[in-house]
Amino acid sequence: MEIDHLAVVCADLDEGSAWLEKQLGVSLQPGGQHPYFGTHNRLLGLGPGLYLEVIAPDPSVPDPGRPRWFGLDDAGAPKLGNWIARTDNLSGRPPGSGDILPLSRGDLTWEITVPADGSLCEGGAFPSLIRWGEGAHPSSRLADQGVGLLSLDITHPEPDRLAALLSDMADPRLRLSHGASAELGAVFDTPSGRVTLGKERFS
């Protein structure tokens, strides 16, 4: 597994985009719509094979008739709300990670794990899993604005068990620690210095 992208979740895409642009000091690029889940997004490239999205319910499309992914039915103010890991093996996913759904937008195709109730596996500590179809990764279409991911910090009540679930993840930017609940924090290098979204758990 590899870190594929991070998701800032929010109730309103314009609000979430403005918040993230203020935090990082750069502009987001247009994303697209996800009619199956009734959401839309905007994007920021973080280098080859990695990007950041702001995602929110899309009021311009019909209600999807099912819970939205990433817990977006309960989204409020913008926050770092999920991470997504790229893998070639979706069949080895742990219990609670959800069904494998085939999705597409334009020439992009992918499969992703989503629980039927729209919740997050392990409270968001375990990632949604994604397998992209043939073609270039979405990050290759995004401009380099000088923002990079330094670390993704995750707290969990059972970090050793979580580490076992993530045993196929070999990325030194992923750091686990004990906490009363599952929480995400990400540290970025930006043109104006280091920026943390969520809680930075390591000095």
N, C-alpha and C. Protein backbone atom coordinates (compact mmCIF):
# COMPACT_ATOMS: atom_id res chain seq x y z
N MET A 1 0.84 -1.20 0.00
CA MET A 1 0.00 0.00 0.00
C MET A 1 0.87 1.25 0.00
N GLU A 2 0.36 2.29 -0.62
CA GLU A 2 1.00 3.60 -0.63
C GLU A 2 -0.05 4.66 -0.34
N ILE A 3 0.36 5.74 0.30
CA ILE A 3 -0.56 6.86 0.48
C ILE A 3 -0.89 7.42 -0.89
N ASP A 4 -2.18 7.50 -1.22
CA ASP A 4 -2.62 7.98 -2.53
C ASP A 4 -3.11 9.42 -2.47
N HIS A 5 -4.03 9.70 -1.55
CA HIS A 5 -4.46 11.08 -1.36
C HIS A 5 -5.10 11.26 0.01
N LEU A 6 -5.21 12.51 0.42
CA LEU A 6 -5.83 12.90 1.67
C LEU A 6 -7.08 13.70 1.36
N ALA A 7 -8.06 13.63 2.25
CA ALA A 7 -9.34 14.31 2.00
C ALA A 7 -9.68 15.26 3.14
N VAL A 8 -9.87 16.53 2.79
CA VAL A 8 -10.47 17.50 3.70
C VAL A 8 -11.97 17.45 3.44
N VAL A 9 -12.74 17.11 4.45
CA VAL A 9 -14.19 16.98 4.31
C VAL A 9 -14.87 18.22 4.89
N CYS A 10 -16.01 18.58 4.31
CA CYS A 10 -16.71 19.79 4.74
C CYS A 10 -18.13 19.76 4.20
N ALA A 11 -18.97 20.63 4.74
CA ALA A 11 -20.36 20.71 4.29
C ALA A 11 -20.52 21.52 3.02
N ASP A 12 -19.58 22.45 2.77
CA ASP A 12 -19.70 23.36 1.62
C ASP A 12 -18.34 23.45 0.92
N LEU A 13 -18.32 23.16 -0.37
CA LEU A 13 -17.05 23.09 -1.10
C LEU A 13 -16.36 24.44 -1.17
N ASP A 14 -17.10 25.52 -1.39
CA ASP A 14 -16.48 26.84 -1.44
C ASP A 14 -15.85 27.21 -0.10
N GLU A 15 -16.56 26.92 0.96
CA GLU A 15 -16.03 27.22 2.29
C GLU A 15 -14.79 26.40 2.57
N GLY A 16 -14.85 25.10 2.26
CA GLY A 16 -13.71 24.23 2.50
C GLY A 16 -12.51 24.61 1.67
N SER A 17 -12.74 24.98 0.41
CA SER A 17 -11.64 25.38 -0.46
C SER A 17 -10.97 26.65 0.04
N ALA A 18 -11.79 27.64 0.44
CA ALA A 18 -11.23 28.89 0.95
C ALA A 18 -10.42 28.65 2.22
N TRP A 19 -10.91 27.77 3.08
CA TRP A 19 -10.19 27.44 4.32
C TRP A 19 -8.84 26.81 4.01
N LEU A 20 -8.82 25.83 3.12
CA LEU A 20 -7.57 25.14 2.82
C LEU A 20 -6.58 26.06 2.10
N GLU A 21 -7.08 26.86 1.18
CA GLU A 21 -6.20 27.80 0.48
C GLU A 21 -5.56 28.78 1.46
N LYS A 22 -6.31 29.21 2.47
CA LYS A 22 -5.76 30.10 3.48
C LYS A 22 -4.71 29.39 4.32
N GLN A 23 -4.96 28.11 4.65
CA GLN A 23 -4.01 27.35 5.47
C GLN A 23 -2.69 27.13 4.74
N LEU A 24 -2.76 26.77 3.47
CA LEU A 24 -1.57 26.36 2.72
C LEU A 24 -0.97 27.48 1.87
N GLY A 25 -1.74 28.53 1.63
CA GLY A 25 -1.23 29.66 0.86
C GLY A 25 -1.11 29.41 -0.63
N VAL A 26 -1.88 28.46 -1.16
CA VAL A 26 -1.88 28.17 -2.59
C VAL A 26 -3.31 27.98 -3.07
N SER A 27 -3.50 27.98 -4.38
CA SER A 27 -4.84 27.83 -4.95
C SER A 27 -5.12 26.38 -5.33
N LEU A 28 -6.35 25.97 -5.14
CA LEU A 28 -6.78 24.64 -5.56
C LEU A 28 -7.17 24.64 -7.03
N GLN A 29 -7.14 23.46 -7.63
CA GLN A 29 -7.57 23.30 -9.02
C GLN A 29 -8.94 22.63 -9.07
N PRO A 30 -9.68 22.85 -10.17
CA PRO A 30 -10.99 22.20 -10.29
C PRO A 30 -10.87 20.68 -10.22
N GLY A 31 -11.85 20.07 -9.62
CA GLY A 31 -11.93 18.61 -9.58
C GLY A 31 -13.09 18.15 -10.44
N GLY A 32 -14.09 17.58 -9.81
CA GLY A 32 -15.25 17.11 -10.57
C GLY A 32 -16.34 16.65 -9.64
N GLN A 33 -17.35 16.02 -10.23
CA GLN A 33 -18.50 15.53 -9.49
C GLN A 33 -18.44 14.01 -9.35
N HIS A 34 -19.08 13.52 -8.29
CA HIS A 34 -19.21 12.08 -8.06
C HIS A 34 -20.71 11.79 -7.90
N PRO A 35 -21.45 11.65 -9.01
CA PRO A 35 -22.90 11.49 -8.92
C PRO A 35 -23.35 10.32 -8.07
N TYR A 36 -22.57 9.25 -8.04
CA TYR A 36 -22.97 8.06 -7.28
C TYR A 36 -23.13 8.39 -5.80
N PHE A 37 -22.27 9.30 -5.30
CA PHE A 37 -22.33 9.68 -3.89
C PHE A 37 -22.85 11.09 -3.68
N GLY A 38 -23.16 11.82 -4.75
CA GLY A 38 -23.66 13.17 -4.61
C GLY A 38 -22.66 14.13 -4.00
N THR A 39 -21.39 14.05 -4.44
CA THR A 39 -20.35 14.92 -3.91
C THR A 39 -19.56 15.56 -5.05
N HIS A 40 -18.77 16.56 -4.70
CA HIS A 40 -17.86 17.17 -5.66
C HIS A 40 -16.60 17.61 -4.92
N ASN A 41 -15.53 17.92 -5.69
CA ASN A 41 -14.27 18.20 -5.03
C ASN A 41 -13.42 19.21 -5.79
N ARG A 42 -12.36 19.68 -5.12
CA ARG A 42 -11.28 20.44 -5.72
C ARG A 42 -9.97 19.84 -5.25
N LEU A 43 -8.89 20.08 -6.01
CA LEU A 43 -7.68 19.28 -5.85
C LEU A 43 -6.42 20.13 -5.73
N LEU A 44 -5.42 19.53 -5.08
CA LEU A 44 -4.09 20.12 -4.98
C LEU A 44 -3.06 19.01 -5.13
N GLY A 45 -2.15 19.14 -6.09
CA GLY A 45 -1.11 18.16 -6.26
C GLY A 45 -0.06 18.26 -5.16
N LEU A 46 0.41 17.10 -4.70
CA LEU A 46 1.45 17.03 -3.67
C LEU A 46 2.69 16.31 -4.19
N GLY A 47 2.84 16.24 -5.50
CA GLY A 47 3.95 15.52 -6.10
C GLY A 47 3.48 14.26 -6.78
N PRO A 48 4.40 13.52 -7.42
CA PRO A 48 4.01 12.32 -8.16
C PRO A 48 3.28 11.30 -7.28
N GLY A 49 2.11 10.86 -7.74
CA GLY A 49 1.36 9.81 -7.06
C GLY A 49 0.66 10.23 -5.79
N LEU A 50 0.53 11.54 -5.55
CA LEU A 50 -0.07 11.99 -4.30
C LEU A 50 -0.80 13.32 -4.51
N TYR A 51 -1.98 13.46 -3.90
CA TYR A 51 -2.69 14.72 -3.98
C TYR A 51 -3.58 14.90 -2.76
N LEU A 52 -4.13 16.11 -2.63
CA LEU A 52 -5.04 16.48 -1.56
C LEU A 52 -6.34 16.94 -2.18
N GLU A 53 -7.46 16.49 -1.64
CA GLU A 53 -8.75 16.94 -2.15
C GLU A 53 -9.56 17.58 -1.04
N VAL A 54 -10.37 18.57 -1.43
CA VAL A 54 -11.45 19.07 -0.59
C VAL A 54 -12.73 18.50 -1.18
N ILE A 55 -13.54 17.85 -0.36
CA ILE A 55 -14.72 17.17 -0.86
C ILE A 55 -15.92 17.49 0.02
N ALA A 56 -17.08 17.67 -0.63
CA ALA A 56 -18.29 18.09 0.08
C ALA A 56 -19.52 17.58 -0.66
N PRO A 57 -20.67 17.52 0.01
CA PRO A 57 -21.92 17.21 -0.71
C PRO A 57 -22.16 18.23 -1.83
N ASP A 58 -22.70 17.74 -2.94
CA ASP A 58 -22.94 18.58 -4.11
C ASP A 58 -24.43 18.90 -4.20
N PRO A 59 -24.83 20.14 -3.92
CA PRO A 59 -26.26 20.48 -3.93
C PRO A 59 -26.86 20.53 -5.33
N SER A 60 -26.03 20.45 -6.38
CA SER A 60 -26.55 20.55 -7.74
C SER A 60 -26.99 19.21 -8.33
N VAL A 61 -26.76 18.12 -7.59
CA VAL A 61 -27.13 16.80 -8.10
C VAL A 61 -28.17 16.18 -7.17
N PRO A 62 -28.97 15.24 -7.66
CA PRO A 62 -29.98 14.61 -6.81
C PRO A 62 -29.35 13.88 -5.62
N ASP A 63 -30.14 13.74 -4.57
CA ASP A 63 -29.70 12.95 -3.42
C ASP A 63 -29.33 11.56 -3.91
N PRO A 64 -28.18 11.02 -3.48
CA PRO A 64 -27.74 9.73 -4.02
C PRO A 64 -28.58 8.54 -3.59
N GLY A 65 -29.43 8.71 -2.60
CA GLY A 65 -30.25 7.59 -2.16
C GLY A 65 -29.49 6.56 -1.36
N ARG A 66 -28.31 6.91 -0.91
CA ARG A 66 -27.50 6.04 -0.06
C ARG A 66 -26.57 6.96 0.74
N PRO A 67 -26.01 6.49 1.85
CA PRO A 67 -25.09 7.33 2.60
C PRO A 67 -23.89 7.76 1.74
N ARG A 68 -23.50 9.02 1.87
CA ARG A 68 -22.32 9.49 1.15
C ARG A 68 -21.06 8.91 1.78
N TRP A 69 -20.03 8.77 0.96
CA TRP A 69 -18.75 8.26 1.46
C TRP A 69 -18.07 9.29 2.36
N PHE A 70 -17.04 8.82 3.07
CA PHE A 70 -16.19 9.64 3.93
C PHE A 70 -16.97 10.33 5.04
N GLY A 71 -18.15 9.78 5.42
CA GLY A 71 -18.95 10.38 6.47
C GLY A 71 -19.49 11.74 6.13
N LEU A 72 -19.66 12.04 4.84
CA LEU A 72 -20.00 13.40 4.42
C LEU A 72 -21.45 13.79 4.72
N ASP A 73 -22.30 12.86 5.05
CA ASP A 73 -23.66 13.24 5.45
C ASP A 73 -23.65 14.01 6.76
N ASP A 74 -22.59 13.84 7.54
CA ASP A 74 -22.48 14.52 8.83
C ASP A 74 -21.39 15.59 8.82
N ALA A 75 -20.94 15.99 7.64
CA ALA A 75 -19.84 16.95 7.54
C ALA A 75 -20.27 18.32 8.04
N GLY A 76 -19.33 19.01 8.66
CA GLY A 76 -19.56 20.37 9.13
C GLY A 76 -18.45 21.29 8.65
N ALA A 77 -17.75 21.90 9.59
CA ALA A 77 -16.63 22.78 9.25
C ALA A 77 -15.51 21.97 8.61
N PRO A 78 -14.69 22.59 7.77
CA PRO A 78 -13.61 21.85 7.10
C PRO A 78 -12.64 21.23 8.09
N LYS A 79 -12.24 20.00 7.80
CA LYS A 79 -11.23 19.31 8.61
C LYS A 79 -10.61 18.20 7.79
N LEU A 80 -9.41 17.81 8.17
CA LEU A 80 -8.80 16.63 7.57
C LEU A 80 -9.58 15.41 8.05
N GLY A 81 -10.28 14.75 7.11
CA GLY A 81 -11.24 13.75 7.53
C GLY A 81 -11.01 12.33 7.07
N ASN A 82 -10.09 12.11 6.12
CA ASN A 82 -9.88 10.75 5.65
C ASN A 82 -8.57 10.68 4.88
N TRP A 83 -8.03 9.47 4.79
CA TRP A 83 -6.89 9.23 3.91
C TRP A 83 -7.17 7.99 3.09
N ILE A 84 -6.59 7.95 1.91
CA ILE A 84 -6.88 6.91 0.93
C ILE A 84 -5.55 6.30 0.51
N ALA A 85 -5.47 4.98 0.54
CA ALA A 85 -4.24 4.28 0.20
C ALA A 85 -4.42 3.49 -1.09
N ARG A 86 -3.41 3.55 -1.91
CA ARG A 86 -3.41 2.85 -3.20
C ARG A 86 -2.85 1.44 -3.01
N THR A 87 -3.52 0.47 -3.64
CA THR A 87 -3.09 -0.92 -3.54
C THR A 87 -3.52 -1.69 -4.78
N ASP A 88 -2.82 -2.75 -5.06
CA ASP A 88 -3.22 -3.65 -6.14
C ASP A 88 -4.06 -4.81 -5.62
N ASN A 89 -4.21 -4.91 -4.30
CA ASN A 89 -4.93 -6.04 -3.72
C ASN A 89 -6.03 -5.55 -2.79
N LEU A 90 -7.23 -5.43 -3.32
CA LEU A 90 -8.37 -5.01 -2.50
C LEU A 90 -9.00 -6.17 -1.75
N SER A 91 -8.69 -7.38 -2.15
CA SER A 91 -9.34 -8.54 -1.54
C SER A 91 -8.85 -8.80 -0.12
N GLY A 92 -7.68 -8.30 0.22
CA GLY A 92 -7.13 -8.55 1.55
C GLY A 92 -7.51 -7.50 2.57
N ARG A 93 -8.54 -6.73 2.32
CA ARG A 93 -8.93 -5.66 3.22
C ARG A 93 -9.49 -6.22 4.53
N PRO A 94 -9.35 -5.48 5.64
CA PRO A 94 -9.84 -5.97 6.93
C PRO A 94 -11.34 -5.82 7.06
N PRO A 95 -11.97 -6.51 8.02
CA PRO A 95 -13.40 -6.32 8.27
C PRO A 95 -13.70 -4.86 8.59
N GLY A 96 -14.82 -4.39 8.09
CA GLY A 96 -15.22 -3.02 8.36
C GLY A 96 -14.77 -2.01 7.32
N SER A 97 -13.93 -2.47 6.37
CA SER A 97 -13.44 -1.52 5.36
C SER A 97 -14.44 -1.32 4.23
N GLY A 98 -15.45 -2.17 4.14
CA GLY A 98 -16.53 -1.92 3.20
C GLY A 98 -16.49 -2.71 1.92
N ASP A 99 -17.48 -2.40 1.07
CA ASP A 99 -17.58 -3.05 -0.23
C ASP A 99 -16.62 -2.41 -1.22
N ILE A 100 -16.29 -3.16 -2.28
CA ILE A 100 -15.47 -2.63 -3.36
C ILE A 100 -16.40 -2.08 -4.43
N LEU A 101 -16.33 -0.79 -4.68
CA LEU A 101 -17.22 -0.14 -5.63
C LEU A 101 -16.43 0.32 -6.86
N PRO A 102 -16.89 -0.02 -8.08
CA PRO A 102 -16.26 0.49 -9.30
C PRO A 102 -16.85 1.86 -9.65
N LEU A 103 -16.00 2.85 -9.84
CA LEU A 103 -16.44 4.21 -10.13
C LEU A 103 -15.64 4.78 -11.30
N SER A 104 -16.15 5.85 -11.87
CA SER A 104 -15.44 6.51 -12.97
C SER A 104 -15.85 7.97 -13.05
N ARG A 105 -14.98 8.77 -13.64
CA ARG A 105 -15.28 10.16 -13.98
C ARG A 105 -14.43 10.51 -15.19
N GLY A 106 -15.08 10.82 -16.30
CA GLY A 106 -14.32 11.07 -17.52
C GLY A 106 -13.53 9.83 -17.90
N ASP A 107 -12.22 10.02 -18.14
CA ASP A 107 -11.38 8.88 -18.50
C ASP A 107 -10.73 8.23 -17.28
N LEU A 108 -11.08 8.67 -16.07
CA LEU A 108 -10.55 8.06 -14.86
C LEU A 108 -11.47 6.94 -14.41
N THR A 109 -10.89 5.80 -14.08
CA THR A 109 -11.65 4.68 -13.52
C THR A 109 -10.91 4.18 -12.28
N TRP A 110 -11.69 3.75 -11.29
CA TRP A 110 -11.06 3.24 -10.08
C TRP A 110 -12.05 2.36 -9.31
N GLU A 111 -11.50 1.57 -8.41
CA GLU A 111 -12.27 0.80 -7.44
C GLU A 111 -11.87 1.29 -6.05
N ILE A 112 -12.85 1.42 -5.18
CA ILE A 112 -12.58 1.95 -3.84
C ILE A 112 -13.44 1.24 -2.82
N THR A 113 -12.91 1.10 -1.61
CA THR A 113 -13.67 0.45 -0.54
C THR A 113 -14.48 1.50 0.22
N VAL A 114 -15.78 1.25 0.37
CA VAL A 114 -16.68 2.18 1.06
C VAL A 114 -17.68 1.36 1.89
N PRO A 115 -17.71 1.52 3.22
CA PRO A 115 -18.74 0.86 4.01
C PRO A 115 -20.14 1.30 3.57
N ALA A 116 -21.10 0.41 3.67
CA ALA A 116 -22.46 0.69 3.21
C ALA A 116 -23.10 1.86 3.94
N ASP A 117 -22.68 2.10 5.19
CA ASP A 117 -23.28 3.20 5.95
C ASP A 117 -22.50 4.51 5.79
N GLY A 118 -21.49 4.53 4.92
CA GLY A 118 -20.73 5.74 4.67
C GLY A 118 -19.71 6.08 5.73
N SER A 119 -19.53 5.21 6.71
CA SER A 119 -18.60 5.49 7.80
C SER A 119 -17.16 5.24 7.36
N LEU A 120 -16.22 5.46 8.27
CA LEU A 120 -14.80 5.26 7.99
C LEU A 120 -14.29 4.09 8.81
N CYS A 121 -13.47 3.26 8.20
CA CYS A 121 -12.91 2.09 8.87
C CYS A 121 -11.99 2.53 10.01
N GLU A 122 -12.18 1.93 11.19
CA GLU A 122 -11.38 2.26 12.37
C GLU A 122 -11.46 3.76 12.69
N GLY A 123 -12.63 4.34 12.45
CA GLY A 123 -12.81 5.75 12.74
C GLY A 123 -11.97 6.68 11.88
N GLY A 124 -11.52 6.19 10.74
CA GLY A 124 -10.68 6.96 9.84
C GLY A 124 -9.21 6.66 9.99
N ALA A 125 -8.83 5.87 10.99
CA ALA A 125 -7.42 5.54 11.16
C ALA A 125 -6.93 4.58 10.09
N PHE A 126 -7.80 3.66 9.65
CA PHE A 126 -7.45 2.80 8.53
C PHE A 126 -7.99 3.44 7.26
N PRO A 127 -7.21 3.44 6.18
CA PRO A 127 -7.62 4.21 5.00
C PRO A 127 -8.71 3.54 4.18
N SER A 128 -9.41 4.35 3.40
CA SER A 128 -10.14 3.80 2.27
C SER A 128 -9.09 3.27 1.29
N LEU A 129 -9.38 2.14 0.67
CA LEU A 129 -8.42 1.55 -0.26
C LEU A 129 -8.87 1.79 -1.69
N ILE A 130 -7.93 2.13 -2.56
CA ILE A 130 -8.25 2.45 -3.94
C ILE A 130 -7.32 1.71 -4.89
N ARG A 131 -7.89 1.28 -6.00
CA ARG A 131 -7.10 0.70 -7.09
C ARG A 131 -7.50 1.42 -8.37
N TRP A 132 -6.56 2.16 -8.95
CA TRP A 132 -6.83 2.92 -10.16
C TRP A 132 -6.80 2.03 -11.39
N GLY A 133 -7.61 2.39 -12.37
CA GLY A 133 -7.58 1.70 -13.65
C GLY A 133 -6.39 2.13 -14.48
N GLU A 134 -6.37 1.71 -15.71
CA GLU A 134 -5.25 2.05 -16.59
C GLU A 134 -5.23 3.55 -16.87
N GLY A 135 -4.04 4.05 -17.15
CA GLY A 135 -3.89 5.47 -17.46
C GLY A 135 -3.11 6.19 -16.37
N ALA A 136 -2.90 7.47 -16.58
CA ALA A 136 -2.10 8.27 -15.68
C ALA A 136 -2.82 8.50 -14.35
N HIS A 137 -2.05 8.61 -13.29
CA HIS A 137 -2.60 8.93 -11.97
C HIS A 137 -3.09 10.38 -11.97
N PRO A 138 -4.18 10.68 -11.24
CA PRO A 138 -4.70 12.06 -11.24
C PRO A 138 -3.66 13.11 -10.87
N SER A 139 -2.68 12.76 -10.05
CA SER A 139 -1.68 13.75 -9.64
C SER A 139 -0.88 14.27 -10.82
N SER A 140 -0.78 13.48 -11.89
CA SER A 140 0.00 13.91 -13.05
C SER A 140 -0.67 15.07 -13.79
N ARG A 141 -1.95 15.33 -13.50
CA ARG A 141 -2.69 16.40 -14.15
C ARG A 141 -2.71 17.69 -13.32
N LEU A 142 -2.07 17.65 -12.17
CA LEU A 142 -2.13 18.78 -11.24
C LEU A 142 -0.81 19.54 -11.23
N ALA A 143 -0.91 20.85 -11.15
CA ALA A 143 0.28 21.69 -11.17
C ALA A 143 1.08 21.51 -9.88
N ASP A 144 2.39 21.66 -9.99
CA ASP A 144 3.27 21.65 -8.82
C ASP A 144 3.29 23.06 -8.23
N GLN A 145 2.71 23.20 -7.04
CA GLN A 145 2.66 24.50 -6.38
C GLN A 145 3.58 24.57 -5.17
N GLY A 146 4.48 23.63 -5.09
CA GLY A 146 5.48 23.66 -4.03
C GLY A 146 4.99 23.18 -2.68
N VAL A 147 3.92 22.38 -2.65
CA VAL A 147 3.40 21.81 -1.41
C VAL A 147 3.70 20.32 -1.39
N GLY A 148 4.27 19.84 -0.30
CA GLY A 148 4.57 18.42 -0.17
C GLY A 148 4.16 17.90 1.20
N LEU A 149 3.86 16.62 1.28
CA LEU A 149 3.48 15.99 2.54
C LEU A 149 4.74 15.55 3.28
N LEU A 150 4.91 16.03 4.52
CA LEU A 150 6.03 15.62 5.36
C LEU A 150 5.68 14.43 6.23
N SER A 151 4.47 14.42 6.79
CA SER A 151 4.06 13.28 7.61
C SER A 151 2.55 13.21 7.70
N LEU A 152 2.06 11.99 7.88
CA LEU A 152 0.66 11.72 8.19
C LEU A 152 0.67 11.04 9.55
N ASP A 153 0.14 11.72 10.56
CA ASP A 153 0.22 11.26 11.95
C ASP A 153 -1.16 10.77 12.40
N ILE A 154 -1.22 9.54 12.87
CA ILE A 154 -2.48 8.90 13.23
C ILE A 154 -2.42 8.42 14.67
N THR A 155 -3.40 8.80 15.46
CA THR A 155 -3.54 8.24 16.79
C THR A 155 -4.67 7.22 16.78
N HIS A 156 -4.55 6.22 17.67
CA HIS A 156 -5.54 5.15 17.73
C HIS A 156 -5.46 4.51 19.10
N PRO A 157 -6.59 4.05 19.66
CA PRO A 157 -6.54 3.39 20.98
C PRO A 157 -5.71 2.11 20.99
N GLU A 158 -5.59 1.45 19.81
CA GLU A 158 -4.81 0.22 19.71
C GLU A 158 -3.81 0.35 18.56
N PRO A 159 -2.76 1.14 18.73
CA PRO A 159 -1.84 1.38 17.61
C PRO A 159 -1.12 0.12 17.12
N ASP A 160 -0.86 -0.84 18.01
CA ASP A 160 -0.19 -2.06 17.56
C ASP A 160 -1.09 -2.87 16.63
N ARG A 161 -2.38 -2.94 16.98
CA ARG A 161 -3.31 -3.65 16.09
C ARG A 161 -3.46 -2.92 14.77
N LEU A 162 -3.51 -1.58 14.82
CA LEU A 162 -3.59 -0.81 13.59
C LEU A 162 -2.33 -1.01 12.75
N ALA A 163 -1.18 -1.05 13.38
CA ALA A 163 0.07 -1.27 12.66
C ALA A 163 0.06 -2.61 11.94
N ALA A 164 -0.54 -3.63 12.57
CA ALA A 164 -0.65 -4.94 11.93
C ALA A 164 -1.54 -4.87 10.70
N LEU A 165 -2.64 -4.11 10.79
CA LEU A 165 -3.53 -3.95 9.65
C LEU A 165 -2.83 -3.21 8.51
N LEU A 166 -1.86 -2.37 8.87
CA LEU A 166 -1.14 -1.56 7.89
C LEU A 166 0.25 -2.12 7.59
N SER A 167 0.41 -3.43 7.81
CA SER A 167 1.74 -4.02 7.65
C SER A 167 2.26 -3.94 6.21
N ASP A 168 1.37 -3.79 5.24
CA ASP A 168 1.80 -3.66 3.84
C ASP A 168 2.15 -2.23 3.47
N MET A 169 2.01 -1.29 4.40
CA MET A 169 2.29 0.12 4.15
C MET A 169 3.75 0.40 4.50
N ALA A 170 4.52 0.73 3.51
CA ALA A 170 5.94 1.04 3.73
C ALA A 170 6.20 2.48 3.31
N ASP A 171 5.76 3.41 4.13
CA ASP A 171 5.94 4.83 3.84
C ASP A 171 6.41 5.50 5.12
N PRO A 172 7.64 6.03 5.14
CA PRO A 172 8.17 6.63 6.37
C PRO A 172 7.41 7.86 6.82
N ARG A 173 6.55 8.41 5.96
CA ARG A 173 5.76 9.58 6.37
C ARG A 173 4.59 9.21 7.26
N LEU A 174 4.21 7.92 7.31
CA LEU A 174 3.11 7.48 8.14
C LEU A 174 3.62 7.17 9.53
N ARG A 175 3.03 7.83 10.55
CA ARG A 175 3.48 7.65 11.93
C ARG A 175 2.28 7.40 12.82
N LEU A 176 2.36 6.36 13.64
CA LEU A 176 1.26 5.93 14.49
C LEU A 176 1.60 6.17 15.95
N SER A 177 0.60 6.53 16.75
CA SER A 177 0.80 6.68 18.18
C SER A 177 -0.51 6.35 18.90
N HIS A 178 -0.40 6.18 20.22
CA HIS A 178 -1.58 5.86 21.02
C HIS A 178 -2.36 7.12 21.32
N GLY A 179 -3.69 7.00 21.27
CA GLY A 179 -4.58 8.09 21.65
C GLY A 179 -5.92 7.53 22.05
N ALA A 180 -6.70 8.34 22.74
CA ALA A 180 -8.00 7.88 23.22
C ALA A 180 -8.96 7.59 22.09
N SER A 181 -8.76 8.23 20.94
CA SER A 181 -9.64 8.03 19.80
C SER A 181 -8.82 8.14 18.52
N ALA A 182 -9.43 7.76 17.41
CA ALA A 182 -8.76 7.86 16.12
C ALA A 182 -8.73 9.32 15.68
N GLU A 183 -7.54 9.84 15.41
CA GLU A 183 -7.39 11.21 14.93
C GLU A 183 -6.32 11.26 13.86
N LEU A 184 -6.50 12.18 12.92
CA LEU A 184 -5.55 12.37 11.82
C LEU A 184 -4.89 13.73 11.96
N GLY A 185 -3.62 13.79 11.59
CA GLY A 185 -2.91 15.04 11.46
C GLY A 185 -1.95 14.91 10.30
N ALA A 186 -1.80 15.95 9.51
CA ALA A 186 -0.88 15.94 8.38
C ALA A 186 -0.02 17.19 8.42
N VAL A 187 1.26 17.02 8.17
CA VAL A 187 2.20 18.14 8.18
C VAL A 187 2.69 18.34 6.75
N PHE A 188 2.61 19.57 6.27
CA PHE A 188 2.97 19.89 4.89
C PHE A 188 4.11 20.90 4.86
N ASP A 189 4.95 20.75 3.87
CA ASP A 189 5.91 21.78 3.52
C ASP A 189 5.27 22.65 2.45
N THR A 190 5.20 23.96 2.67
CA THR A 190 4.55 24.87 1.73
C THR A 190 5.51 26.01 1.39
N PRO A 191 5.19 26.80 0.36
CA PRO A 191 6.06 27.93 0.02
C PRO A 191 6.25 28.93 1.16
N SER A 192 5.32 28.95 2.11
CA SER A 192 5.44 29.88 3.23
C SER A 192 5.83 29.20 4.54
N GLY A 193 6.25 27.93 4.47
CA GLY A 193 6.70 27.24 5.66
C GLY A 193 5.89 26.00 5.98
N ARG A 194 6.15 25.42 7.13
CA ARG A 194 5.48 24.19 7.55
C ARG A 194 4.08 24.49 8.07
N VAL A 195 3.11 23.68 7.65
CA VAL A 195 1.71 23.85 8.04
C VAL A 195 1.17 22.51 8.49
N THR A 196 0.43 22.51 9.60
CA THR A 196 -0.20 21.29 10.12
C THR A 196 -1.71 21.39 10.00
N LEU A 197 -2.33 20.37 9.46
CA LEU A 197 -3.78 20.22 9.47
C LEU A 197 -4.13 19.11 10.45
N GLY A 198 -5.11 19.34 11.28
CA GLY A 198 -5.39 18.37 12.32
C GLY A 198 -4.39 18.55 13.44
N LYS A 199 -4.17 17.50 14.22
CA LYS A 199 -3.27 17.58 15.35
C LYS A 199 -1.92 16.98 14.99
N GLU A 200 -0.87 17.73 15.23
CA GLU A 200 0.48 17.19 15.04
C GLU A 200 0.85 16.45 16.32
N ARG A 201 1.10 15.16 16.17
CA ARG A 201 1.30 14.31 17.34
C ARG A 201 2.77 14.06 17.66
N PHE A 202 3.68 14.55 16.84
CA PHE A 202 5.08 14.29 17.04
C PHE A 202 5.85 15.60 16.98
N SER A 203 6.90 15.70 17.76
CA SER A 203 7.72 16.90 17.75
C SER A 203 8.71 16.85 16.59
